[in-house]
């Protein structure tokens, strides 16, 4: 059983930056990957990035050029650094844990999810 808790969300002005953290506790078999997703009100969940050991990292178009993901496996903490934030980035951001990196942008791939943290970009 693995538990994930996101933190670091809040209110930020357009053009600002914010770093989210995903703390994992408990255990699961194998070296799991971490996926970052976001969901705005009334919209579908969007994949942002995936990361696993080595490290293998994948960014979607949402993240490229602005967001950076990292992971400290020893501390079981993953981070999502977000730069040049825009109002359209406003959403609840989630981290998730799974194993199939080839399908890391699909929500159904993940076995465990955090509760989400709200990010609001507004002046």
PDB file of N, CA and C in Angstrom:
ATOM      1  N   UNK A   1       0.838  -1.181   0.000  1.00  0.00           N
ATOM      2  CA  UNK A   1       0.000   0.000   0.000  1.00  0.00           C
ATOM      3  C   UNK A   1       0.884   1.245   0.000  1.00  0.00           C
ATOM      4  N   UNK A   2       0.643   2.106  -0.957  1.00  0.00           N
ATOM      5  CA  UNK A   2       1.423   3.321  -1.094  1.00  0.00           C
ATOM      6  C   UNK A   2       0.508   4.529  -0.967  1.00  0.00           C
ATOM      7  N   UNK A   3       0.942   5.497  -0.194  1.00  0.00           N
ATOM      8  CA  UNK A   3       0.191   6.728  -0.027  1.00  0.00           C
ATOM      9  C   UNK A   3       0.987   7.907  -0.564  1.00  0.00           C
ATOM     10  N   UNK A   4       0.308   8.772  -1.280  1.00  0.00           N
ATOM     11  CA  UNK A   4       0.938   9.934  -1.878  1.00  0.00           C
ATOM     12  C   UNK A   4       0.251  11.198  -1.395  1.00  0.00           C
ATOM     13  N   UNK A   5       1.054  12.194  -1.062  1.00  0.00           N
ATOM     14  CA  UNK A   5       0.523  13.459  -0.583  1.00  0.00           C
ATOM     15  C   UNK A   5       1.193  14.599  -1.326  1.00  0.00           C
ATOM     16  N   UNK A   6       0.393  15.394  -2.034  1.00  0.00           N
ATOM     17  CA  UNK A   6       0.909  16.559  -2.731  1.00  0.00           C
ATOM     18  C   UNK A   6       0.917  17.765  -1.807  1.00  0.00           C
ATOM     19  N   UNK A   7       1.848  18.659  -2.054  1.00  0.00           N
ATOM     20  CA  UNK A   7       1.910  19.899  -1.302  1.00  0.00           C
ATOM     21  C   UNK A   7       2.587  20.963  -2.153  1.00  0.00           C
ATOM     22  N   UNK A   8       2.463  22.200  -1.733  1.00  0.00           N
ATOM     23  CA  UNK A   8       3.125  23.294  -2.426  1.00  0.00           C
ATOM     24  C   UNK A   8       2.217  24.132  -3.297  1.00  0.00           C
ATOM     25  N   UNK A   9       0.966  23.760  -3.407  1.00  0.00           N
ATOM     26  CA  UNK A   9       0.036  24.530  -4.207  1.00  0.00           C
ATOM     27  C   UNK A   9      -0.335  25.829  -3.524  1.00  0.00           C
ATOM     28  N   UNK A  10      -1.001  26.684  -4.269  1.00  0.00           N
ATOM     29  CA  UNK A  10      -1.416  27.958  -3.729  1.00  0.00           C
ATOM     30  C   UNK A  10      -1.692  28.958  -4.820  1.00  0.00           C
ATOM     31  N   UNK A  11      -1.717  30.215  -4.436  1.00  0.00           N
ATOM     32  CA  UNK A  11      -1.982  31.303  -5.366  1.00  0.00           C
ATOM     33  C   UNK A  11      -0.678  31.922  -5.838  1.00  0.00           C
ATOM     34  N   UNK A  12      -0.561  32.090  -7.148  1.00  0.00           N
ATOM     35  CA  UNK A  12       0.634  32.694  -7.725  1.00  0.00           C
ATOM     36  C   UNK A  12       0.219  33.624  -8.860  1.00  0.00           C
ATOM     37  N   UNK A  13       0.969  34.680  -9.058  1.00  0.00           N
ATOM     38  CA  UNK A  13       0.672  35.625 -10.130  1.00  0.00           C
ATOM     39  C   UNK A  13       1.143  35.103 -11.476  1.00  0.00           C
ATOM     40  N   UNK A  14       0.499  35.520 -12.554  1.00  0.00           N
ATOM     41  CA  UNK A  14       0.950  35.118 -13.887  1.00  0.00           C
ATOM     42  C   UNK A  14       2.419  35.450 -14.096  1.00  0.00           C
ATOM     43  N   UNK A  15       3.158  34.519 -14.675  1.00  0.00           N
ATOM     44  CA  UNK A  15       4.580  34.700 -14.873  1.00  0.00           C
ATOM     45  C   UNK A  15       5.415  34.212 -13.712  1.00  0.00           C
ATOM     46  N   UNK A  16       4.771  33.894 -12.629  1.00  0.00           N
ATOM     47  CA  UNK A  16       5.465  33.422 -11.453  1.00  0.00           C
ATOM     48  C   UNK A  16       5.795  31.949 -11.529  1.00  0.00           C
ATOM     49  N   UNK A  17       6.356  31.446 -10.456  1.00  0.00           N
ATOM     50  CA  UNK A  17       6.745  30.052 -10.406  1.00  0.00           C
ATOM     51  C   UNK A  17       6.242  29.396  -9.129  1.00  0.00           C
ATOM     52  N   UNK A  18       6.184  28.094  -9.174  1.00  0.00           N
ATOM     53  CA  UNK A  18       5.711  27.324  -8.037  1.00  0.00           C
ATOM     54  C   UNK A  18       6.288  25.920  -8.148  1.00  0.00           C
ATOM     55  N   UNK A  19       6.646  25.350  -7.031  1.00  0.00           N
ATOM     56  CA  UNK A  19       7.156  23.988  -7.017  1.00  0.00           C
ATOM     57  C   UNK A  19       6.275  23.112  -6.139  1.00  0.00           C
ATOM     58  N   UNK A  20       5.795  22.044  -6.710  1.00  0.00           N
ATOM     59  CA  UNK A  20       4.960  21.101  -5.990  1.00  0.00           C
ATOM     60  C   UNK A  20       5.784  19.898  -5.559  1.00  0.00           C
ATOM     61  N   UNK A  21       5.402  19.316  -4.449  1.00  0.00           N
ATOM     62  CA  UNK A  21       6.072  18.129  -3.957  1.00  0.00           C
ATOM     63  C   UNK A  21       5.080  16.989  -3.807  1.00  0.00           C
ATOM     64  N   UNK A  22       5.575  15.792  -3.987  1.00  0.00           N
ATOM     65  CA  UNK A  22       4.780  14.586  -3.833  1.00  0.00           C
ATOM     66  C   UNK A  22       5.539  13.646  -2.918  1.00  0.00           C
ATOM     67  N   UNK A  23       5.039  13.486  -1.717  1.00  0.00           N
ATOM     68  CA  UNK A  23       5.685  12.625  -0.739  1.00  0.00           C
ATOM     69  C   UNK A  23       5.007  11.265  -0.705  1.00  0.00           C
ATOM     70  N   UNK A  24       5.801  10.225  -0.797  1.00  0.00           N
ATOM     71  CA  UNK A  24       5.283   8.866  -0.796  1.00  0.00           C
ATOM     72  C   UNK A  24       5.599   8.175   0.523  1.00  0.00           C
ATOM     73  N   UNK A  25       4.658   7.401   0.991  1.00  0.00           N
ATOM     74  CA  UNK A  25       4.860   6.606   2.191  1.00  0.00           C
ATOM     75  C   UNK A  25       4.257   5.231   1.985  1.00  0.00           C
ATOM     76  N   UNK A  26       4.668   4.282   2.807  1.00  0.00           N
ATOM     77  CA  UNK A  26       4.246   2.918   2.616  1.00  0.00           C
ATOM     78  C   UNK A  26       5.200   2.222   1.660  1.00  0.00           C
ATOM     79  N   UNK A  27       4.718   1.226   0.970  1.00  0.00           N
ATOM     80  CA  UNK A  27       5.576   0.484   0.060  1.00  0.00           C
ATOM     81  C   UNK A  27       4.771  -0.186  -1.038  1.00  0.00           C
ATOM     82  N   UNK A  28       5.479  -0.508  -2.113  1.00  0.00           N
ATOM     83  CA  UNK A  28       4.907  -1.244  -3.222  1.00  0.00           C
ATOM     84  C   UNK A  28       6.023  -2.045  -3.881  1.00  0.00           C
ATOM     85  N   UNK A  29       5.685  -3.049  -4.648  1.00  0.00           N
ATOM     86  CA  UNK A  29       6.686  -3.877  -5.287  1.00  0.00           C
ATOM     87  C   UNK A  29       7.319  -3.169  -6.475  1.00  0.00           C
ATOM     88  N   UNK A  30       8.622  -3.341  -6.580  1.00  0.00           N
ATOM     89  CA  UNK A  30       9.348  -2.760  -7.687  1.00  0.00           C
ATOM     90  C   UNK A  30       9.600  -1.275  -7.527  1.00  0.00           C
ATOM     91  N   UNK A  31      10.300  -0.720  -8.507  1.00  0.00           N
ATOM     92  CA  UNK A  31      10.607   0.701  -8.524  1.00  0.00           C
ATOM     93  C   UNK A  31       9.513   1.413  -9.315  1.00  0.00           C
ATOM     94  N   UNK A  32       8.637   2.074  -8.610  1.00  0.00           N
ATOM     95  CA  UNK A  32       7.502   2.708  -9.264  1.00  0.00           C
ATOM     96  C   UNK A  32       7.883   4.023  -9.935  1.00  0.00           C
ATOM     97  N   UNK A  33       7.086   4.409 -10.901  1.00  0.00           N
ATOM     98  CA  UNK A  33       7.242   5.702 -11.538  1.00  0.00           C
ATOM     99  C   UNK A  33       6.242   6.680 -10.934  1.00  0.00           C
ATOM    100  N   UNK A  34       6.524   7.957 -11.102  1.00  0.00           N
ATOM    101  CA  UNK A  34       5.624   8.996 -10.630  1.00  0.00           C
ATOM    102  C   UNK A  34       5.103   9.788 -11.828  1.00  0.00           C
ATOM    103  N   UNK A  35       3.818   9.958 -11.876  1.00  0.00           N
ATOM    104  CA  UNK A  35       3.211  10.778 -12.903  1.00  0.00           C
ATOM    105  C   UNK A  35       2.594  12.014 -12.287  1.00  0.00           C
ATOM    106  N   UNK A  36       2.660  13.110 -13.011  1.00  0.00           N
ATOM    107  CA  UNK A  36       2.011  14.346 -12.595  1.00  0.00           C
ATOM    108  C   UNK A  36       0.869  14.653 -13.554  1.00  0.00           C
ATOM    109  N   UNK A  37      -0.273  14.980 -12.994  1.00  0.00           N
ATOM    110  CA  UNK A  37      -1.466  15.304 -13.764  1.00  0.00           C
ATOM    111  C   UNK A  37      -2.100  16.563 -13.212  1.00  0.00           C
ATOM    112  N   UNK A  38      -2.980  17.142 -13.987  1.00  0.00           N
ATOM    113  CA  UNK A  38      -3.756  18.271 -13.493  1.00  0.00           C
ATOM    114  C   UNK A  38      -5.165  18.204 -14.058  1.00  0.00           C
ATOM    115  N   UNK A  39      -6.087  18.803 -13.339  1.00  0.00           N
ATOM    116  CA  UNK A  39      -7.470  18.810 -13.779  1.00  0.00           C
ATOM    117  C   UNK A  39      -8.128  20.120 -13.381  1.00  0.00           C
ATOM    118  N   UNK A  40      -8.579  20.848 -14.378  1.00  0.00           N
ATOM    119  CA  UNK A  40      -9.297  22.089 -14.155  1.00  0.00           C
ATOM    120  C   UNK A  40     -10.789  21.791 -14.049  1.00  0.00           C
ATOM    121  N   UNK A  41     -11.544  22.656 -13.383  1.00  0.00           N
ATOM    122  CA  UNK A  41     -12.984  22.435 -13.239  1.00  0.00           C
ATOM    123  C   UNK A  41     -13.669  22.251 -14.589  1.00  0.00           C
ATOM    124  N   UNK A  42     -14.455  21.199 -14.707  1.00  0.00           N
ATOM    125  CA  UNK A  42     -15.186  20.942 -15.929  1.00  0.00           C
ATOM    126  C   UNK A  42     -14.366  20.377 -17.069  1.00  0.00           C
ATOM    127  N   UNK A  43     -13.111  20.087 -16.831  1.00  0.00           N
ATOM    128  CA  UNK A  43     -12.246  19.562 -17.877  1.00  0.00           C
ATOM    129  C   UNK A  43     -11.662  18.216 -17.481  1.00  0.00           C
ATOM    130  N   UNK A  44     -11.176  17.505 -18.478  1.00  0.00           N
ATOM    131  CA  UNK A  44     -10.585  16.200 -18.243  1.00  0.00           C
ATOM    132  C   UNK A  44      -9.198  16.330 -17.635  1.00  0.00           C
ATOM    133  N   UNK A  45      -8.787  15.274 -16.978  1.00  0.00           N
ATOM    134  CA  UNK A  45      -7.463  15.246 -16.391  1.00  0.00           C
ATOM    135  C   UNK A  45      -6.402  15.204 -17.478  1.00  0.00           C
ATOM    136  N   UNK A  46      -5.359  16.013 -17.314  1.00  0.00           N
ATOM    137  CA  UNK A  46      -4.292  16.113 -18.294  1.00  0.00           C
ATOM    138  C   UNK A  46      -2.978  15.621 -17.711  1.00  0.00           C
ATOM    139  N   UNK A  47      -2.255  14.848 -18.489  1.00  0.00           N
ATOM    140  CA  UNK A  47      -0.938  14.401 -18.065  1.00  0.00           C
ATOM    141  C   UNK A  47       0.077  15.515 -18.271  1.00  0.00           C
ATOM    142  N   UNK A  48       0.997  15.634 -17.339  1.00  0.00           N
ATOM    143  CA  UNK A  48       2.035  16.650 -17.401  1.00  0.00           C
ATOM    144  C   UNK A  48       3.406  16.023 -17.636  1.00  0.00           C
ATOM    145  N   UNK A  49       3.744  15.066 -16.802  1.00  0.00           N
ATOM    146  CA  UNK A  49       5.068  14.480 -16.865  1.00  0.00           C
ATOM    147  C   UNK A  49       5.096  13.141 -16.158  1.00  0.00           C
ATOM    148  N   UNK A  50       6.103  12.332 -16.491  1.00  0.00           N
ATOM    149  CA  UNK A  50       6.328  11.060 -15.825  1.00  0.00           C
ATOM    150  C   UNK A  50       7.815  10.909 -15.551  1.00  0.00           C
ATOM    151  N   UNK A  51       8.129  10.255 -14.455  1.00  0.00           N
ATOM    152  CA  UNK A  51       9.528  10.028 -14.120  1.00  0.00           C
ATOM    153  C   UNK A  51       9.679   8.707 -13.383  1.00  0.00           C
ATOM    154  N   UNK A  52      10.745   7.997 -13.720  1.00  0.00           N
ATOM    155  CA  UNK A  52      11.095   6.781 -12.992  1.00  0.00           C
ATOM    156  C   UNK A  52      12.612   6.733 -12.844  1.00  0.00           C
ATOM    157  N   UNK A  53      13.106   5.724 -12.171  1.00  0.00           N
ATOM    158  CA  UNK A  53      14.535   5.612 -11.943  1.00  0.00           C
ATOM    159  C   UNK A  53      15.327   5.515 -13.238  1.00  0.00           C
ATOM    160  N   UNK A  54      16.557   5.887 -13.194  1.00  0.00           N
ATOM    161  CA  UNK A  54      17.615   5.891 -14.209  1.00  0.00           C
ATOM    162  C   UNK A  54      18.233   7.278 -14.389  1.00  0.00           C
ATOM    163  N   UNK A  55      17.489   8.345 -14.595  1.00  0.00           N
ATOM    164  CA  UNK A  55      16.034   8.514 -14.632  1.00  0.00           C
ATOM    165  C   UNK A  55      15.483   8.585 -16.054  1.00  0.00           C
ATOM    166  N   UNK A  56      14.324   8.064 -16.227  1.00  0.00           N
ATOM    167  CA  UNK A  56      13.586   8.221 -17.467  1.00  0.00           C
ATOM    168  C   UNK A  56      12.503   9.259 -17.221  1.00  0.00           C
ATOM    169  N   UNK A  57      12.468  10.264 -18.066  1.00  0.00           N
ATOM    170  CA  UNK A  57      11.529  11.355 -17.897  1.00  0.00           C
ATOM    171  C   UNK A  57      10.804  11.636 -19.202  1.00  0.00           C
ATOM    172  N   UNK A  58       9.529  11.859 -19.102  1.00  0.00           N
ATOM    173  CA  UNK A  58       8.736  12.227 -20.260  1.00  0.00           C
ATOM    174  C   UNK A  58       7.902  13.452 -19.927  1.00  0.00           C
ATOM    175  N   UNK A  59       7.899  14.414 -20.846  1.00  0.00           N
ATOM    176  CA  UNK A  59       7.097  15.615 -20.689  1.00  0.00           C
ATOM    177  C   UNK A  59       6.069  15.702 -21.803  1.00  0.00           C
ATOM    178  N   UNK A  60       4.866  16.074 -21.446  1.00  0.00           N
ATOM    179  CA  UNK A  60       3.854  16.351 -22.455  1.00  0.00           C
ATOM    180  C   UNK A  60       4.033  17.783 -22.933  1.00  0.00           C
ATOM    181  N   UNK A  61       3.240  18.169 -23.913  1.00  0.00           N
ATOM    182  CA  UNK A  61       3.327  19.527 -24.448  1.00  0.00           C
ATOM    183  C   UNK A  61       2.994  20.574 -23.397  1.00  0.00           C
ATOM    184  N   UNK A  62       2.222  20.196 -22.417  1.00  0.00           N
ATOM    185  CA  UNK A  62       1.893  21.111 -21.333  1.00  0.00           C
ATOM    186  C   UNK A  62       3.147  21.535 -20.583  1.00  0.00           C
ATOM    187  N   UNK A  63       4.032  20.587 -20.364  1.00  0.00           N
ATOM    188  CA  UNK A  63       5.199  20.812 -19.531  1.00  0.00           C
ATOM    189  C   UNK A  63       6.405  21.364 -20.268  1.00  0.00           C
ATOM    190  N   UNK A  64       6.570  21.007 -21.506  1.00  0.00           N
ATOM    191  CA  UNK A  64       7.788  21.338 -22.239  1.00  0.00           C
ATOM    192  C   UNK A  64       8.076  22.827 -22.265  1.00  0.00           C
ATOM    193  N   UNK A  65       9.293  23.156 -21.820  1.00  0.00           N
ATOM    194  CA  UNK A  65       9.737  24.536 -21.824  1.00  0.00           C
ATOM    195  C   UNK A  65       9.410  25.304 -20.568  1.00  0.00           C
ATOM    196  N   UNK A  66       8.537  24.775 -19.721  1.00  0.00           N
ATOM    197  CA  UNK A  66       8.125  25.494 -18.521  1.00  0.00           C
ATOM    198  C   UNK A  66       8.199  24.688 -17.235  1.00  0.00           C
ATOM    199  N   UNK A  67       7.909  23.408 -17.326  1.00  0.00           N
ATOM    200  CA  UNK A  67       7.858  22.568 -16.130  1.00  0.00           C
ATOM    201  C   UNK A  67       9.012  21.578 -16.103  1.00  0.00           C
ATOM    202  N   UNK A  68       9.477  21.280 -14.913  1.00  0.00           N
ATOM    203  CA  UNK A  68      10.554  20.325 -14.739  1.00  0.00           C
ATOM    204  C   UNK A  68      10.222  19.381 -13.596  1.00  0.00           C
ATOM    205  N   UNK A  69      10.387  18.099 -13.835  1.00  0.00           N
ATOM    206  CA  UNK A  69      10.101  17.109 -12.807  1.00  0.00           C
ATOM    207  C   UNK A  69      11.401  16.495 -12.297  1.00  0.00           C
ATOM    208  N   UNK A  70      11.424  16.153 -11.038  1.00  0.00           N
ATOM    209  CA  UNK A  70      12.579  15.501 -10.447  1.00  0.00           C
ATOM    210  C   UNK A  70      12.096  14.533  -9.376  1.00  0.00           C
ATOM    211  N   UNK A  71      13.023  13.703  -8.926  1.00  0.00           N
ATOM    212  CA  UNK A  71      12.663  12.711  -7.919  1.00  0.00           C
ATOM    213  C   UNK A  71      13.847  12.375  -7.036  1.00  0.00           C
ATOM    214  N   UNK A  72      13.594  12.335  -5.755  1.00  0.00           N
ATOM    215  CA  UNK A  72      14.582  11.914  -4.780  1.00  0.00           C
ATOM    216  C   UNK A  72      14.097  10.581  -4.236  1.00  0.00           C
ATOM    217  N   UNK A  73      14.597   9.499  -4.807  1.00  0.00           N
ATOM    218  CA  UNK A  73      14.120   8.172  -4.434  1.00  0.00           C
ATOM    219  C   UNK A  73      14.441   7.824  -2.982  1.00  0.00           C
ATOM    220  N   UNK A  74      15.570   8.314  -2.490  1.00  0.00           N
ATOM    221  CA  UNK A  74      15.962   8.027  -1.116  1.00  0.00           C
ATOM    222  C   UNK A  74      14.972   8.613  -0.117  1.00  0.00           C
ATOM    223  N   UNK A  75      14.435   9.770  -0.450  1.00  0.00           N
ATOM    224  CA  UNK A  75      13.479  10.435   0.429  1.00  0.00           C
ATOM    225  C   UNK A  75      12.035  10.186   0.018  1.00  0.00           C
ATOM    226  N   UNK A  76      11.860   9.471  -1.084  1.00  0.00           N
ATOM    227  CA  UNK A  76      10.521   9.189  -1.609  1.00  0.00           C
ATOM    228  C   UNK A  76       9.728  10.465  -1.866  1.00  0.00           C
ATOM    229  N   UNK A  77      10.397  11.417  -2.479  1.00  0.00           N
ATOM    230  CA  UNK A  77       9.767  12.687  -2.795  1.00  0.00           C
ATOM    231  C   UNK A  77       9.985  13.021  -4.265  1.00  0.00           C
ATOM    232  N   UNK A  78       8.923  13.352  -4.943  1.00  0.00           N
ATOM    233  CA  UNK A  78       8.991  13.828  -6.314  1.00  0.00           C
ATOM    234  C   UNK A  78       8.581  15.287  -6.338  1.00  0.00           C
ATOM    235  N   UNK A  79       9.156  16.044  -7.265  1.00  0.00           N
ATOM    236  CA  UNK A  79       8.866  17.467  -7.341  1.00  0.00           C
ATOM    237  C   UNK A  79       8.497  17.870  -8.759  1.00  0.00           C
ATOM    238  N   UNK A  80       7.658  18.865  -8.847  1.00  0.00           N
ATOM    239  CA  UNK A  80       7.278  19.444 -10.129  1.00  0.00           C
ATOM    240  C   UNK A  80       7.512  20.943 -10.036  1.00  0.00           C
ATOM    241  N   UNK A  81       8.524  21.417 -10.736  1.00  0.00           N
ATOM    242  CA  UNK A  81       8.827  22.835 -10.766  1.00  0.00           C
ATOM    243  C   UNK A  81       8.107  23.464 -11.946  1.00  0.00           C
ATOM    244  N   UNK A  82       7.331  24.479 -11.666  1.00  0.00           N
ATOM    245  CA  UNK A  82       6.544  25.133 -12.688  1.00  0.00           C
ATOM    246  C   UNK A  82       6.975  26.587 -12.815  1.00  0.00           C
ATOM    247  N   UNK A  83       7.348  26.972 -14.019  1.00  0.00           N
ATOM    248  CA  UNK A  83       7.793  28.329 -14.301  1.00  0.00           C
ATOM    249  C   UNK A  83       6.859  28.995 -15.296  1.00  0.00           C
ATOM    250  N   UNK A  84       6.918  30.312 -15.332  1.00  0.00           N
ATOM    251  CA  UNK A  84       6.124  31.100 -16.285  1.00  0.00           C
ATOM    252  C   UNK A  84       4.662  30.694 -16.271  1.00  0.00           C
ATOM    253  N   UNK A  85       4.114  30.628 -15.104  1.00  0.00           N
ATOM    254  CA  UNK A  85       2.737  30.166 -14.955  1.00  0.00           C
ATOM    255  C   UNK A  85       1.733  31.117 -15.590  1.00  0.00           C
ATOM    256  N   UNK A  86       0.697  30.527 -16.143  1.00  0.00           N
ATOM    257  CA  UNK A  86      -0.357  31.258 -16.818  1.00  0.00           C
ATOM    258  C   UNK A  86      -1.698  30.960 -16.155  1.00  0.00           C
ATOM    259  N   UNK A  87      -2.679  31.844 -16.326  1.00  0.00           N
ATOM    260  CA  UNK A  87      -3.997  31.583 -15.743  1.00  0.00           C
ATOM    261  C   UNK A  87      -4.565  30.228 -16.142  1.00  0.00           C
ATOM    262  N   UNK A  88      -4.289  29.786 -17.360  1.00  0.00           N
ATOM    263  CA  UNK A  88      -4.800  28.505 -17.811  1.00  0.00           C
ATOM    264  C   UNK A  88      -4.142  27.312 -17.123  1.00  0.00           C
ATOM    265  N   UNK A  89      -3.108  27.577 -16.342  1.00  0.00           N
ATOM    266  CA  UNK A  89      -2.486  26.518 -15.551  1.00  0.00           C
ATOM    267  C   UNK A  89      -3.252  26.251 -14.264  1.00  0.00           C
ATOM    268  N   UNK A  90      -4.232  27.074 -13.983  1.00  0.00           N
ATOM    269  CA  UNK A  90      -5.041  26.894 -12.787  1.00  0.00           C
ATOM    270  C   UNK A  90      -5.753  25.546 -12.828  1.00  0.00           C
ATOM    271  N   UNK A  91      -5.522  24.746 -11.808  1.00  0.00           N
ATOM    272  CA  UNK A  91      -6.086  23.400 -11.761  1.00  0.00           C
ATOM    273  C   UNK A  91      -5.697  22.739 -10.450  1.00  0.00           C
ATOM    274  N   UNK A  92      -6.278  21.588 -10.217  1.00  0.00           N
ATOM    275  CA  UNK A  92      -5.820  20.739  -9.133  1.00  0.00           C
ATOM    276  C   UNK A  92      -4.742  19.832  -9.702  1.00  0.00           C
ATOM    277  N   UNK A  93      -3.608  19.804  -9.061  1.00  0.00           N
ATOM    278  CA  UNK A  93      -2.484  19.011  -9.535  1.00  0.00           C
ATOM    279  C   UNK A  93      -2.338  17.751  -8.695  1.00  0.00           C
ATOM    280  N   UNK A  94      -2.155  16.637  -9.375  1.00  0.00           N
ATOM    281  CA  UNK A  94      -2.060  15.340  -8.729  1.00  0.00           C
ATOM    282  C   UNK A  94      -0.745  14.647  -9.060  1.00  0.00           C
ATOM    283  N   UNK A  95      -0.260  13.871  -8.135  1.00  0.00           N
ATOM    284  CA  UNK A  95       0.803  12.932  -8.441  1.00  0.00           C
ATOM    285  C   UNK A  95       0.243  11.525  -8.293  1.00  0.00           C
ATOM    286  N   UNK A  96       0.837  10.596  -8.999  1.00  0.00           N
ATOM    287  CA  UNK A  96       0.374   9.225  -8.993  1.00  0.00           C
ATOM    288  C   UNK A  96       1.555   8.279  -9.139  1.00  0.00           C
ATOM    289  N   UNK A  97       1.379   7.049  -8.699  1.00  0.00           N
ATOM    290  CA  UNK A  97       2.435   6.047  -8.777  1.00  0.00           C
ATOM    291  C   UNK A  97       1.968   4.838  -9.574  1.00  0.00           C
ATOM    292  N   UNK A  98       2.827   4.359 -10.450  1.00  0.00           N
ATOM    293  CA  UNK A  98       2.524   3.198 -11.268  1.00  0.00           C
ATOM    294  C   UNK A  98       3.803   2.546 -11.750  1.00  0.00           C
ATOM    295  N   UNK A  99       3.682   1.677 -12.758  1.00  0.00           N
ATOM    296  CA  UNK A  99       4.846   0.931 -13.232  1.00  0.00           C
ATOM    297  C   UNK A  99       5.064   0.931 -14.742  1.00  0.00           C
ATOM    298  N   UNK A 100       4.023   1.121 -15.515  1.00  0.00           N
ATOM    299  CA  UNK A 100       4.134   1.036 -16.969  1.00  0.00           C
ATOM    300  C   UNK A 100       4.507   2.390 -17.553  1.00  0.00           C
ATOM    301  N   UNK A 101       5.802   2.632 -17.675  1.00  0.00           N
ATOM    302  CA  UNK A 101       6.272   3.920 -18.157  1.00  0.00           C
ATOM    303  C   UNK A 101       5.854   4.195 -19.599  1.00  0.00           C
ATOM    304  N   UNK A 102       5.721   3.153 -20.400  1.00  0.00           N
ATOM    305  CA  UNK A 102       5.327   3.321 -21.795  1.00  0.00           C
ATOM    306  C   UNK A 102       3.930   3.908 -21.920  1.00  0.00           C
ATOM    307  N   UNK A 103       3.136   3.771 -20.888  1.00  0.00           N
ATOM    308  CA  UNK A 103       1.778   4.305 -20.875  1.00  0.00           C
ATOM    309  C   UNK A 103       1.605   5.310 -19.748  1.00  0.00           C
ATOM    310  N   UNK A 104       2.645   6.050 -19.470  1.00  0.00           N
ATOM    311  CA  UNK A 104       2.647   6.899 -18.288  1.00  0.00           C
ATOM    312  C   UNK A 104       1.740   8.120 -18.380  1.00  0.00           C
ATOM    313  N   UNK A 105       1.250   8.434 -19.562  1.00  0.00           N
ATOM    314  CA  UNK A 105       0.352   9.577 -19.703  1.00  0.00           C
ATOM    315  C   UNK A 105      -1.116   9.186 -19.541  1.00  0.00           C
ATOM    316  N   UNK A 106      -1.366   7.925 -19.312  1.00  0.00           N
ATOM    317  CA  UNK A 106      -2.727   7.431 -19.145  1.00  0.00           C
ATOM    318  C   UNK A 106      -3.052   7.272 -17.668  1.00  0.00           C
ATOM    319  N   UNK A 107      -4.132   7.870 -17.243  1.00  0.00           N
ATOM    320  CA  UNK A 107      -4.519   7.822 -15.841  1.00  0.00           C
ATOM    321  C   UNK A 107      -4.708   6.398 -15.345  1.00  0.00           C
ATOM    322  N   UNK A 108      -5.243   5.533 -16.205  1.00  0.00           N
ATOM    323  CA  UNK A 108      -5.508   4.160 -15.819  1.00  0.00           C
ATOM    324  C   UNK A 108      -4.270   3.338 -15.534  1.00  0.00           C
ATOM    325  N   UNK A 109      -3.117   3.836 -15.901  1.00  0.00           N
ATOM    326  CA  UNK A 109      -1.863   3.133 -15.659  1.00  0.00           C
ATOM    327  C   UNK A 109      -1.486   3.127 -14.186  1.00  0.00           C
ATOM    328  N   UNK A 110      -1.940   4.119 -13.465  1.00  0.00           N
ATOM    329  CA  UNK A 110      -1.496   4.324 -12.095  1.00  0.00           C
ATOM    330  C   UNK A 110      -2.348   3.610 -11.055  1.00  0.00           C
ATOM    331  N   UNK A 111      -1.674   3.063 -10.080  1.00  0.00           N
ATOM    332  CA  UNK A 111      -2.328   2.316  -9.018  1.00  0.00           C
ATOM    333  C   UNK A 111      -2.654   3.180  -7.808  1.00  0.00           C
ATOM    334  N   UNK A 112      -1.875   4.227  -7.618  1.00  0.00           N
ATOM    335  CA  UNK A 112      -2.035   5.071  -6.449  1.00  0.00           C
ATOM    336  C   UNK A 112      -2.058   6.535  -6.840  1.00  0.00           C
ATOM    337  N   UNK A 113      -2.895   7.291  -6.153  1.00  0.00           N
ATOM    338  CA  UNK A 113      -3.057   8.711  -6.418  1.00  0.00           C
ATOM    339  C   UNK A 113      -3.035   9.520  -5.131  1.00  0.00           C
ATOM    340  N   UNK A 114      -2.487  10.717  -5.242  1.00  0.00           N
ATOM    341  CA  UNK A 114      -2.567  11.645  -4.136  1.00  0.00           C
ATOM    342  C   UNK A 114      -3.906  12.349  -4.148  1.00  0.00           C
ATOM    343  N   UNK A 115      -4.143  13.178  -3.156  1.00  0.00           N
ATOM    344  CA  UNK A 115      -5.424  13.871  -3.042  1.00  0.00           C
ATOM    345  C   UNK A 115      -5.495  15.132  -3.890  1.00  0.00           C
ATOM    346  N   UNK A 116      -4.365  15.580  -4.384  1.00  0.00           N
ATOM    347  CA  UNK A 116      -4.314  16.765  -5.209  1.00  0.00           C
ATOM    348  C   UNK A 116      -4.026  18.020  -4.415  1.00  0.00           C
ATOM    349  N   UNK A 117      -3.451  18.999  -5.085  1.00  0.00           N
ATOM    350  CA  UNK A 117      -3.195  20.293  -4.475  1.00  0.00           C
ATOM    351  C   UNK A 117      -3.596  21.382  -5.462  1.00  0.00           C
ATOM    352  N   UNK A 118      -4.287  22.384  -4.975  1.00  0.00           N
ATOM    353  CA  UNK A 118      -4.819  23.436  -5.832  1.00  0.00           C
ATOM    354  C   UNK A 118      -3.745  24.439  -6.208  1.00  0.00           C
ATOM    355  N   UNK A 119      -3.673  24.734  -7.497  1.00  0.00           N
ATOM    356  CA  UNK A 119      -2.799  25.786  -8.004  1.00  0.00           C
ATOM    357  C   UNK A 119      -3.678  26.808  -8.705  1.00  0.00           C
ATOM    358  N   UNK A 120      -3.597  28.034  -8.261  1.00  0.00           N
ATOM    359  CA  UNK A 120      -4.383  29.110  -8.856  1.00  0.00           C
ATOM    360  C   UNK A 120      -3.444  30.200  -9.346  1.00  0.00           C
ATOM    361  N   UNK A 121      -3.536  30.503 -10.628  1.00  0.00           N
ATOM    362  CA  UNK A 121      -2.694  31.532 -11.233  1.00  0.00           C
ATOM    363  C   UNK A 121      -3.580  32.724 -11.565  1.00  0.00           C
ATOM    364  N   UNK A 122      -3.395  33.789 -10.843  1.00  0.00           N
ATOM    365  CA  UNK A 122      -4.238  34.964 -11.009  1.00  0.00           C
ATOM    366  C   UNK A 122      -3.520  36.202 -10.502  1.00  0.00           C
ATOM    367  N   UNK A 123      -3.824  37.328 -11.120  1.00  0.00           N
ATOM    368  CA  UNK A 123      -3.260  38.593 -10.683  1.00  0.00           C
ATOM    369  C   UNK A 123      -4.127  39.262  -9.635  1.00  0.00           C
TER     370      UNK A 123
END
